[in-house]
């Protein structure tokens, strides 16, 4: 699958934007690395105060840690599952 990178902004337009270098493998995001000086806090409209953000390396939950997906490996076909019709989603309303 092709691997490509692009820069993207995430955040609230007109307030604060966070810049990232996004790495894609096919149509899946596998890594997001912050660009520039990332703030450790951001204003929360909900809390009405500055709150910690998790966008950078210091954050509690870094974004898209899927480096293992960048490795090339042998593709393994999965087994097909035939629908036995036991549950009819069209009748559930």
Protein backbone atom coordinates (compact mmCIF):
# COMPACT_ATOMS: atom_id res chain seq x y z
CA UNK A 1 0.00 0.00 0.00
CA UNK A 2 1.27 3.50 -0.73
CA UNK A 3 2.56 5.59 2.19
CA UNK A 4 2.23 9.37 2.00
CA UNK A 5 2.54 12.37 4.33
CA UNK A 6 0.70 15.68 4.46
CA UNK A 7 0.30 18.60 6.82
CA UNK A 8 -3.08 19.20 8.44
CA UNK A 9 -4.70 21.58 10.94
CA UNK A 10 -6.98 20.32 13.69
CA UNK A 11 -8.90 22.54 16.05
CA UNK A 12 -11.43 25.32 16.16
CA UNK A 13 -11.31 27.63 13.14
CA UNK A 14 -10.83 31.21 14.27
CA UNK A 15 -9.67 30.21 17.75
CA UNK A 16 -6.80 27.73 17.97
CA UNK A 17 -5.41 25.38 15.37
CA UNK A 18 -2.96 22.53 15.95
CA UNK A 19 -0.62 21.66 13.06
CA UNK A 20 0.37 18.05 12.35
CA UNK A 21 2.31 15.98 9.88
CA UNK A 22 -0.06 13.13 9.07
CA UNK A 23 1.25 9.82 7.71
CA UNK A 24 -1.18 7.70 5.71
CA UNK A 25 -0.84 4.11 4.56
CA UNK A 26 -3.51 3.65 1.95
CA UNK A 27 -6.61 5.26 3.47
CA UNK A 28 -5.55 4.71 7.12
CA UNK A 29 -3.84 7.30 9.35
CA UNK A 30 -0.87 5.57 10.98
CA UNK A 31 0.93 8.51 12.60
CA UNK A 32 0.27 12.14 13.58
CA UNK A 33 3.29 14.18 14.67
CA UNK A 34 2.82 17.72 16.00
CA UNK A 35 4.52 20.51 14.08
CA UNK A 36 6.10 23.48 15.79
CA UNK A 37 5.65 24.51 19.41
CA UNK A 38 2.54 22.76 20.73
CA UNK A 39 0.86 24.30 23.78
CA UNK A 40 0.35 22.10 26.83
CA UNK A 41 -3.10 23.57 27.55
CA UNK A 42 -6.08 24.92 25.65
CA UNK A 43 -9.20 26.81 26.70
CA UNK A 44 -12.27 24.61 27.19
CA UNK A 45 -15.68 26.19 26.62
CA UNK A 46 -17.17 23.39 28.71
CA UNK A 47 -14.87 23.84 31.73
CA UNK A 48 -14.46 27.63 31.25
CA UNK A 49 -10.73 27.36 31.94
CA UNK A 50 -7.44 26.17 30.49
CA UNK A 51 -7.23 22.36 30.44
CA UNK A 52 -4.38 19.95 29.56
CA UNK A 53 -4.37 18.75 25.96
CA UNK A 54 -3.04 15.44 24.71
CA UNK A 55 -1.77 16.50 21.29
CA UNK A 56 1.97 16.33 21.86
CA UNK A 57 4.51 13.90 23.26
CA UNK A 58 3.75 15.11 26.82
CA UNK A 59 0.06 14.37 26.53
CA UNK A 60 -1.63 11.39 28.20
CA UNK A 61 -3.02 10.01 24.93
CA UNK A 62 -0.93 10.61 21.84
CA UNK A 63 -2.71 10.45 18.51
CA UNK A 64 -2.43 7.51 16.12
CA UNK A 65 0.39 5.35 17.41
CA UNK A 66 0.25 2.80 14.60
CA UNK A 67 3.87 2.55 13.48
CA UNK A 68 3.52 -1.23 13.37
CA UNK A 69 1.21 -0.75 10.37
CA UNK A 70 4.04 0.82 8.36
CA UNK A 71 5.92 -2.49 8.19
CA UNK A 72 5.49 -4.53 5.05
CA UNK A 73 4.32 -8.04 5.65
CA UNK A 74 2.62 -10.95 4.02
CA UNK A 75 -1.07 -10.43 3.50
CA UNK A 76 -3.21 -13.20 4.87
CA UNK A 77 -6.69 -13.69 3.46
CA UNK A 78 -9.46 -13.94 5.99
CA UNK A 79 -12.19 -16.51 5.91
CA UNK A 80 -15.49 -15.44 4.38
CA UNK A 81 -18.53 -15.56 6.63
CA UNK A 82 -21.79 -16.36 4.92
CA UNK A 83 -24.87 -14.68 6.39
CA UNK A 84 -27.36 -17.31 7.48
CA UNK A 85 -30.20 -14.77 7.61
CA UNK A 86 -30.93 -15.41 11.32
CA UNK A 87 -31.25 -11.67 12.02
CA UNK A 88 -33.15 -9.41 9.66
CA UNK A 89 -32.05 -5.83 10.30
CA UNK A 90 -34.71 -4.46 7.94
CA UNK A 91 -37.49 -5.64 10.25
CA UNK A 92 -36.01 -4.01 13.38
CA UNK A 93 -37.63 -0.60 13.80
